[in-house]
C-alpha cells in the first residue's frame, strides 16, 4: 500500500473516530436526560436520538473500515509485525469496551422509542471512559512500550 494512501486512511480513521466517540457521548447523556424528561418531549427526543445514532453508526463503520484497511501496511500485515502487541490489546479493548456500549445504547434508543423508558446504567459510562482512556494511552505510548 502506498504511504500516501495510508495517510488518507489514517485521517479518515481519526475523523470518523471523533464522530463515533462524540456521538456515543451525546447519545448516552441524551438518554440519561430522556429518562427524566416530561412525556411531551419523548417523541422529539427519540427522533433526535435516532438521527444521532444513525450518524454514529456510519462513523463507526468508517472508523472500523479504515482501521482494518490500515492493517495492510507497506511493510506487510501490521498485526504480524514485531512490536504490534499494543495493537492487539487496543483491538481487544475496542471489541470488549466500545462496541458493547454502542450496541447497548442502540438497544436503549429502540426501547425508549417503544415507550419502555428505564434509566441508562452508570456502569456503561464508566466502561466507555475506561475503554477510551486505555485506547488513547495505547495509541500514543503503545508503540514505544512494545518496541524491541
N, C-alpha and C. Protein backbone atom coordinates (compact mmCIF):
# COMPACT_ATOMS: atom_id res chain seq x y z
N UNK A 1 0.84 -1.18 0.00
CA UNK A 1 0.00 0.00 0.00
C UNK A 1 0.89 1.24 0.00
N UNK A 2 0.51 2.21 -0.79
CA UNK A 2 1.24 3.46 -0.89
C UNK A 2 1.14 4.24 0.42
N UNK A 3 2.23 4.88 0.82
CA UNK A 3 2.23 5.62 2.09
C UNK A 3 1.27 6.80 2.05
N UNK A 4 1.02 7.36 0.86
CA UNK A 4 0.07 8.46 0.73
C UNK A 4 -1.36 7.97 1.03
N UNK A 5 -1.69 6.78 0.56
CA UNK A 5 -2.99 6.19 0.86
C UNK A 5 -3.12 5.93 2.35
N UNK A 6 -2.04 5.48 2.95
CA UNK A 6 -2.04 5.21 4.39
C UNK A 6 -2.35 6.49 5.18
N UNK A 7 -1.80 7.61 4.75
CA UNK A 7 -2.09 8.89 5.43
C UNK A 7 -3.56 9.28 5.29
N UNK A 8 -4.14 9.05 4.10
CA UNK A 8 -5.56 9.34 3.92
C UNK A 8 -6.42 8.43 4.78
N UNK A 9 -6.03 7.16 4.86
CA UNK A 9 -6.77 6.23 5.71
C UNK A 9 -6.69 6.65 7.17
N UNK A 10 -5.51 7.06 7.61
CA UNK A 10 -5.33 7.50 8.99
C UNK A 10 -6.19 8.72 9.28
N UNK A 11 -6.24 9.67 8.35
CA UNK A 11 -7.07 10.87 8.53
C UNK A 11 -8.55 10.47 8.62
N UNK A 12 -9.00 9.60 7.74
CA UNK A 12 -10.38 9.14 7.78
C UNK A 12 -10.69 8.41 9.06
N UNK A 13 -9.74 7.63 9.54
CA UNK A 13 -9.92 6.88 10.78
C UNK A 13 -10.08 7.83 11.97
N UNK A 14 -9.23 8.83 12.05
CA UNK A 14 -9.27 9.76 13.18
C UNK A 14 -10.54 10.61 13.14
N UNK A 15 -10.91 11.11 11.97
CA UNK A 15 -12.11 11.93 11.85
C UNK A 15 -13.36 11.11 12.23
N UNK A 16 -13.48 9.92 11.66
CA UNK A 16 -14.65 9.11 11.96
C UNK A 16 -14.64 8.64 13.41
N UNK A 17 -13.47 8.42 13.97
CA UNK A 17 -13.37 8.04 15.37
C UNK A 17 -13.89 9.16 16.28
N UNK A 18 -13.50 10.40 15.99
CA UNK A 18 -14.01 11.52 16.77
C UNK A 18 -15.53 11.61 16.68
N UNK A 19 -16.07 11.43 15.48
CA UNK A 19 -17.53 11.49 15.31
C UNK A 19 -18.21 10.33 16.03
N UNK A 20 -17.62 9.16 15.97
CA UNK A 20 -18.19 7.98 16.64
C UNK A 20 -18.21 8.16 18.15
N UNK A 21 -17.07 8.49 18.72
CA UNK A 21 -16.97 8.65 20.17
C UNK A 21 -17.82 9.83 20.64
N UNK A 22 -17.77 10.93 19.91
CA UNK A 22 -18.59 12.10 20.28
C UNK A 22 -20.07 11.77 20.22
N UNK A 23 -20.47 11.01 19.21
CA UNK A 23 -21.86 10.61 19.10
C UNK A 23 -22.30 9.72 20.25
N UNK A 24 -21.43 8.79 20.64
CA UNK A 24 -21.77 7.92 21.78
C UNK A 24 -21.87 8.73 23.07
N UNK A 25 -20.96 9.70 23.26
CA UNK A 25 -21.06 10.57 24.43
C UNK A 25 -22.41 11.28 24.44
N UNK A 26 -22.78 11.87 23.30
CA UNK A 26 -24.02 12.64 23.22
C UNK A 26 -25.24 11.74 23.43
N UNK A 27 -25.25 10.57 22.82
CA UNK A 27 -26.38 9.66 22.96
C UNK A 27 -26.54 9.23 24.42
N UNK A 28 -25.43 8.90 25.07
CA UNK A 28 -25.52 8.48 26.47
C UNK A 28 -26.21 9.55 27.31
N UNK A 29 -25.77 10.78 27.18
CA UNK A 29 -26.33 11.85 28.01
C UNK A 29 -27.74 12.23 27.59
N UNK A 30 -28.05 12.11 26.30
CA UNK A 30 -29.44 12.35 25.86
C UNK A 30 -30.38 11.32 26.48
N UNK A 31 -29.94 10.07 26.51
CA UNK A 31 -30.77 9.02 27.11
C UNK A 31 -30.92 9.23 28.62
N UNK A 32 -29.87 9.69 29.26
CA UNK A 32 -29.97 9.98 30.70
C UNK A 32 -31.00 11.08 30.95
N UNK A 33 -30.99 12.12 30.11
CA UNK A 33 -31.96 13.21 30.25
C UNK A 33 -33.36 12.75 29.84
N UNK A 34 -33.42 11.92 28.81
CA UNK A 34 -34.71 11.43 28.30
C UNK A 34 -35.48 10.68 29.39
N UNK A 35 -34.78 9.95 30.21
CA UNK A 35 -35.44 9.17 31.27
C UNK A 35 -36.17 10.07 32.27
N UNK A 36 -35.77 11.33 32.36
CA UNK A 36 -36.38 12.25 33.33
C UNK A 36 -37.17 13.37 32.65
N UNK A 37 -37.31 13.31 31.34
CA UNK A 37 -37.99 14.38 30.60
C UNK A 37 -39.51 14.21 30.70
N UNK A 38 -40.24 15.31 30.53
CA UNK A 38 -41.71 15.21 30.52
C UNK A 38 -42.17 14.40 29.30
N UNK A 39 -43.33 13.80 29.43
CA UNK A 39 -43.86 12.92 28.37
C UNK A 39 -44.02 13.63 27.03
N UNK A 40 -44.28 14.91 27.05
CA UNK A 40 -44.47 15.66 25.80
C UNK A 40 -43.18 15.71 24.98
N UNK A 41 -42.05 15.58 25.60
CA UNK A 41 -40.77 15.69 24.91
C UNK A 41 -40.24 14.35 24.41
N UNK A 42 -40.87 13.25 24.79
CA UNK A 42 -40.33 11.93 24.46
C UNK A 42 -40.21 11.69 22.96
N UNK A 43 -41.22 12.07 22.20
CA UNK A 43 -41.18 11.81 20.76
C UNK A 43 -40.05 12.58 20.07
N UNK A 44 -39.90 13.85 20.43
CA UNK A 44 -38.82 14.65 19.83
C UNK A 44 -37.45 14.13 20.25
N UNK A 45 -37.32 13.76 21.51
CA UNK A 45 -36.04 13.22 21.98
C UNK A 45 -35.70 11.91 21.26
N UNK A 46 -36.69 11.08 21.05
CA UNK A 46 -36.46 9.82 20.36
C UNK A 46 -36.00 10.07 18.93
N UNK A 47 -36.61 11.02 18.24
CA UNK A 47 -36.19 11.36 16.88
C UNK A 47 -34.75 11.88 16.86
N UNK A 48 -34.41 12.72 17.81
CA UNK A 48 -33.05 13.24 17.89
C UNK A 48 -32.06 12.12 18.17
N UNK A 49 -32.41 11.24 19.09
CA UNK A 49 -31.53 10.12 19.44
C UNK A 49 -31.32 9.19 18.24
N UNK A 50 -32.38 8.92 17.51
CA UNK A 50 -32.27 8.05 16.34
C UNK A 50 -31.39 8.65 15.26
N UNK A 51 -31.56 9.94 15.00
CA UNK A 51 -30.75 10.57 13.95
C UNK A 51 -29.29 10.62 14.35
N UNK A 52 -29.02 10.91 15.60
CA UNK A 52 -27.64 10.92 16.08
C UNK A 52 -27.06 9.51 16.06
N UNK A 53 -27.87 8.52 16.38
CA UNK A 53 -27.41 7.13 16.36
C UNK A 53 -27.08 6.68 14.94
N UNK A 54 -27.85 7.13 13.96
CA UNK A 54 -27.56 6.78 12.57
C UNK A 54 -26.20 7.36 12.15
N UNK A 55 -25.97 8.62 12.50
CA UNK A 55 -24.67 9.23 12.19
C UNK A 55 -23.54 8.49 12.90
N UNK A 56 -23.80 8.06 14.12
CA UNK A 56 -22.80 7.31 14.88
C UNK A 56 -22.54 5.95 14.25
N UNK A 57 -23.58 5.32 13.73
CA UNK A 57 -23.41 4.03 13.04
C UNK A 57 -22.51 4.20 11.81
N UNK A 58 -22.76 5.25 11.03
CA UNK A 58 -21.95 5.49 9.84
C UNK A 58 -20.49 5.77 10.23
N UNK A 59 -20.31 6.61 11.25
CA UNK A 59 -18.95 6.93 11.70
C UNK A 59 -18.23 5.69 12.20
N UNK A 60 -18.93 4.81 12.91
CA UNK A 60 -18.29 3.59 13.39
C UNK A 60 -17.89 2.69 12.24
N UNK A 61 -18.73 2.60 11.23
CA UNK A 61 -18.41 1.76 10.06
C UNK A 61 -17.17 2.29 9.33
N UNK A 62 -17.08 3.62 9.19
CA UNK A 62 -15.91 4.21 8.53
C UNK A 62 -14.66 4.01 9.39
N UNK A 63 -14.78 4.20 10.71
CA UNK A 63 -13.63 4.02 11.60
C UNK A 63 -13.13 2.59 11.56
N UNK A 64 -14.04 1.64 11.60
CA UNK A 64 -13.64 0.23 11.57
C UNK A 64 -13.08 -0.12 10.20
N UNK A 65 -13.72 0.34 9.15
CA UNK A 65 -13.24 0.05 7.79
C UNK A 65 -11.86 0.61 7.51
N UNK A 66 -11.64 1.86 7.88
CA UNK A 66 -10.31 2.44 7.66
C UNK A 66 -9.27 1.79 8.58
N UNK A 67 -9.69 1.41 9.78
CA UNK A 67 -8.77 0.73 10.69
C UNK A 67 -8.32 -0.61 10.14
N UNK A 68 -9.26 -1.37 9.60
CA UNK A 68 -8.91 -2.66 9.00
C UNK A 68 -8.01 -2.45 7.78
N UNK A 69 -8.33 -1.44 6.96
CA UNK A 69 -7.51 -1.16 5.78
C UNK A 69 -6.08 -0.78 6.17
N UNK A 70 -5.93 -0.07 7.28
CA UNK A 70 -4.58 0.34 7.71
C UNK A 70 -3.73 -0.83 8.20
N UNK A 71 -4.36 -1.96 8.49
CA UNK A 71 -3.59 -3.13 8.92
C UNK A 71 -2.66 -3.61 7.82
N UNK A 72 -3.01 -3.30 6.57
CA UNK A 72 -2.20 -3.73 5.44
C UNK A 72 -1.19 -2.64 5.10
N UNK A 73 -0.16 -2.54 5.92
CA UNK A 73 0.88 -1.52 5.80
C UNK A 73 1.78 -1.80 4.60
N UNK A 74 2.60 -0.82 4.21
CA UNK A 74 3.55 -1.06 3.11
C UNK A 74 4.55 -2.18 3.44
N UNK A 75 4.78 -2.45 4.72
CA UNK A 75 5.78 -3.45 5.11
C UNK A 75 5.16 -4.80 5.45
N UNK A 76 3.89 -4.98 5.19
CA UNK A 76 3.23 -6.25 5.47
C UNK A 76 2.04 -6.07 6.40
N UNK A 77 1.44 -7.18 6.76
CA UNK A 77 0.28 -7.17 7.65
C UNK A 77 0.72 -6.73 9.04
N UNK A 78 0.19 -5.61 9.52
CA UNK A 78 0.68 -4.96 10.73
C UNK A 78 0.58 -5.84 11.98
N UNK A 79 -0.49 -6.59 12.12
CA UNK A 79 -0.67 -7.40 13.32
C UNK A 79 0.39 -8.49 13.45
N UNK A 80 1.03 -8.86 12.34
CA UNK A 80 2.04 -9.89 12.37
C UNK A 80 3.45 -9.37 12.58
N UNK A 81 3.60 -8.05 12.59
CA UNK A 81 4.94 -7.48 12.76
C UNK A 81 5.36 -7.48 14.22
N UNK A 82 6.67 -7.51 14.44
CA UNK A 82 7.20 -7.45 15.80
C UNK A 82 6.85 -6.10 16.41
N UNK A 83 6.47 -6.10 17.67
CA UNK A 83 6.14 -4.86 18.37
C UNK A 83 4.70 -4.41 18.20
N UNK A 84 3.84 -5.25 17.60
CA UNK A 84 2.45 -4.87 17.38
C UNK A 84 1.53 -5.36 18.49
N UNK A 85 2.10 -5.79 19.60
CA UNK A 85 1.28 -6.28 20.71
C UNK A 85 0.32 -5.24 21.24
N UNK A 86 0.74 -3.98 21.22
CA UNK A 86 -0.13 -2.89 21.69
C UNK A 86 -1.41 -2.84 20.86
N UNK A 87 -1.30 -3.12 19.55
CA UNK A 87 -2.48 -3.05 18.69
C UNK A 87 -3.44 -4.20 18.98
N UNK A 88 -2.90 -5.36 19.33
CA UNK A 88 -3.76 -6.48 19.73
C UNK A 88 -4.58 -6.09 20.97
N UNK A 89 -3.93 -5.45 21.92
CA UNK A 89 -4.62 -5.01 23.15
C UNK A 89 -5.66 -3.94 22.80
N UNK A 90 -5.28 -3.00 21.95
CA UNK A 90 -6.20 -1.92 21.56
C UNK A 90 -7.44 -2.49 20.90
N UNK A 91 -7.26 -3.41 19.96
CA UNK A 91 -8.40 -4.00 19.28
C UNK A 91 -9.29 -4.78 20.24
N UNK A 92 -8.68 -5.44 21.21
CA UNK A 92 -9.46 -6.16 22.23
C UNK A 92 -10.28 -5.18 23.06
N UNK A 93 -9.70 -4.05 23.43
CA UNK A 93 -10.43 -3.04 24.20
C UNK A 93 -11.58 -2.45 23.38
N UNK A 94 -11.36 -2.26 22.09
CA UNK A 94 -12.44 -1.76 21.23
C UNK A 94 -13.59 -2.77 21.20
N UNK A 95 -13.25 -4.05 21.03
CA UNK A 95 -14.28 -5.09 20.92
C UNK A 95 -15.01 -5.29 22.25
N UNK A 96 -14.29 -5.23 23.38
CA UNK A 96 -14.90 -5.51 24.68
C UNK A 96 -15.38 -4.25 25.41
N UNK A 97 -14.94 -3.06 24.98
CA UNK A 97 -15.29 -1.84 25.70
C UNK A 97 -16.12 -0.84 24.93
N UNK A 98 -15.85 -0.68 23.64
CA UNK A 98 -16.55 0.36 22.87
C UNK A 98 -17.75 -0.23 22.11
N UNK A 99 -17.55 -1.33 21.43
CA UNK A 99 -18.66 -1.92 20.66
C UNK A 99 -19.85 -2.33 21.53
N UNK A 100 -19.64 -2.90 22.73
CA UNK A 100 -20.81 -3.20 23.57
C UNK A 100 -21.57 -1.94 24.00
N UNK A 101 -20.85 -0.87 24.30
CA UNK A 101 -21.51 0.38 24.68
C UNK A 101 -22.36 0.87 23.51
N UNK A 102 -21.80 0.81 22.31
CA UNK A 102 -22.55 1.23 21.12
C UNK A 102 -23.83 0.40 20.98
N UNK A 103 -23.70 -0.90 21.10
CA UNK A 103 -24.87 -1.78 20.97
C UNK A 103 -25.91 -1.57 22.05
N UNK A 104 -25.47 -1.41 23.28
CA UNK A 104 -26.41 -1.19 24.39
C UNK A 104 -27.15 0.13 24.21
N UNK A 105 -26.44 1.17 23.79
CA UNK A 105 -27.10 2.46 23.57
C UNK A 105 -28.11 2.37 22.44
N UNK A 106 -27.77 1.63 21.37
CA UNK A 106 -28.72 1.45 20.28
C UNK A 106 -29.97 0.71 20.76
N UNK A 107 -29.76 -0.29 21.61
CA UNK A 107 -30.90 -1.02 22.17
C UNK A 107 -31.77 -0.14 23.04
N UNK A 108 -31.13 0.71 23.83
CA UNK A 108 -31.88 1.64 24.69
C UNK A 108 -32.71 2.61 23.86
N UNK A 109 -32.14 3.10 22.75
CA UNK A 109 -32.88 4.02 21.89
C UNK A 109 -34.13 3.33 21.36
N UNK A 110 -34.00 2.08 20.96
CA UNK A 110 -35.16 1.34 20.46
C UNK A 110 -36.22 1.17 21.54
N UNK A 111 -35.77 0.80 22.76
CA UNK A 111 -36.72 0.63 23.87
C UNK A 111 -37.39 1.95 24.24
N UNK A 112 -36.63 3.05 24.25
CA UNK A 112 -37.21 4.35 24.57
C UNK A 112 -38.26 4.71 23.52
N UNK A 113 -37.99 4.40 22.25
CA UNK A 113 -38.95 4.67 21.18
C UNK A 113 -40.23 3.88 21.34
N UNK A 114 -40.15 2.71 21.96
CA UNK A 114 -41.34 1.88 22.21
C UNK A 114 -42.04 2.25 23.51
N UNK A 115 -41.50 3.24 24.21
CA UNK A 115 -42.10 3.68 25.47
C UNK A 115 -41.58 2.96 26.70
N UNK A 116 -40.63 2.08 26.53
CA UNK A 116 -40.04 1.35 27.66
C UNK A 116 -38.85 2.15 28.19
N UNK A 117 -39.15 3.15 28.99
CA UNK A 117 -38.13 4.07 29.45
C UNK A 117 -37.60 3.63 30.81
N UNK A 118 -36.31 3.34 30.83
CA UNK A 118 -35.62 2.95 32.06
C UNK A 118 -34.28 3.67 32.07
N UNK A 119 -33.79 4.04 33.24
CA UNK A 119 -32.52 4.77 33.30
C UNK A 119 -31.36 3.98 32.67
N UNK A 120 -30.46 4.72 32.06
CA UNK A 120 -29.26 4.12 31.48
C UNK A 120 -28.30 3.84 32.64
N UNK A 121 -27.72 2.65 32.70
CA UNK A 121 -26.86 2.32 33.84
C UNK A 121 -25.57 3.15 33.87
N UNK A 122 -25.18 3.54 35.06
CA UNK A 122 -23.97 4.34 35.26
C UNK A 122 -22.71 3.59 34.85
N UNK A 123 -22.70 2.26 35.04
CA UNK A 123 -21.52 1.48 34.71
C UNK A 123 -21.17 1.56 33.23
N UNK A 124 -22.16 1.84 32.40
CA UNK A 124 -21.92 1.95 30.97
C UNK A 124 -21.00 3.13 30.68
N UNK A 125 -21.24 4.23 31.35
CA UNK A 125 -20.39 5.42 31.21
C UNK A 125 -18.98 5.13 31.70
N UNK A 126 -18.87 4.44 32.82
CA UNK A 126 -17.55 4.10 33.37
C UNK A 126 -16.78 3.18 32.42
N UNK A 127 -17.47 2.18 31.87
CA UNK A 127 -16.83 1.27 30.92
C UNK A 127 -16.34 2.03 29.69
N UNK A 128 -17.17 2.91 29.18
CA UNK A 128 -16.82 3.68 27.98
C UNK A 128 -15.61 4.58 28.23
N UNK A 129 -15.62 5.30 29.34
CA UNK A 129 -14.49 6.19 29.64
C UNK A 129 -13.20 5.40 29.86
N UNK A 130 -13.30 4.27 30.55
CA UNK A 130 -12.11 3.43 30.77
C UNK A 130 -11.57 2.91 29.44
N UNK A 131 -12.44 2.46 28.56
CA UNK A 131 -12.01 1.94 27.26
C UNK A 131 -11.34 3.02 26.43
N UNK A 132 -11.94 4.19 26.37
CA UNK A 132 -11.36 5.29 25.59
C UNK A 132 -10.01 5.70 26.16
N UNK A 133 -9.89 5.72 27.48
CA UNK A 133 -8.63 6.08 28.12
C UNK A 133 -7.54 5.07 27.76
N UNK A 134 -7.84 3.80 27.86
CA UNK A 134 -6.85 2.76 27.53
C UNK A 134 -6.46 2.85 26.06
N UNK A 135 -7.43 3.06 25.19
CA UNK A 135 -7.14 3.14 23.75
C UNK A 135 -6.21 4.31 23.45
N UNK A 136 -6.49 5.47 24.01
CA UNK A 136 -5.65 6.65 23.75
C UNK A 136 -4.23 6.43 24.28
N UNK A 137 -4.10 5.86 25.46
CA UNK A 137 -2.77 5.58 26.00
C UNK A 137 -2.03 4.59 25.10
N UNK A 138 -2.72 3.55 24.65
CA UNK A 138 -2.08 2.56 23.78
C UNK A 138 -1.66 3.16 22.44
N UNK A 139 -2.47 4.02 21.88
CA UNK A 139 -2.14 4.62 20.58
C UNK A 139 -0.88 5.49 20.70
N UNK A 140 -0.79 6.26 21.77
CA UNK A 140 0.34 7.18 21.88
C UNK A 140 1.57 6.56 22.53
N UNK A 141 1.38 5.65 23.47
CA UNK A 141 2.52 5.07 24.19
C UNK A 141 2.82 3.63 23.80
N UNK A 142 1.83 2.94 23.26
CA UNK A 142 1.97 1.52 22.93
C UNK A 142 3.14 1.19 22.02
N UNK A 143 3.29 1.90 20.89
CA UNK A 143 4.40 1.56 20.01
C UNK A 143 5.76 1.68 20.69
N UNK A 144 5.89 2.60 21.62
CA UNK A 144 7.17 2.75 22.35
C UNK A 144 7.32 1.68 23.42
N UNK A 145 6.22 1.34 24.09
CA UNK A 145 6.27 0.34 25.15
C UNK A 145 6.53 -1.06 24.61
N UNK A 146 6.06 -1.35 23.39
CA UNK A 146 6.17 -2.68 22.84
C UNK A 146 7.31 -2.81 21.82
N UNK A 147 8.03 -1.72 21.60
CA UNK A 147 9.14 -1.77 20.62
C UNK A 147 10.26 -2.64 21.15
N UNK A 148 10.96 -3.27 20.22
CA UNK A 148 12.10 -4.12 20.61
C UNK A 148 13.34 -3.29 20.76
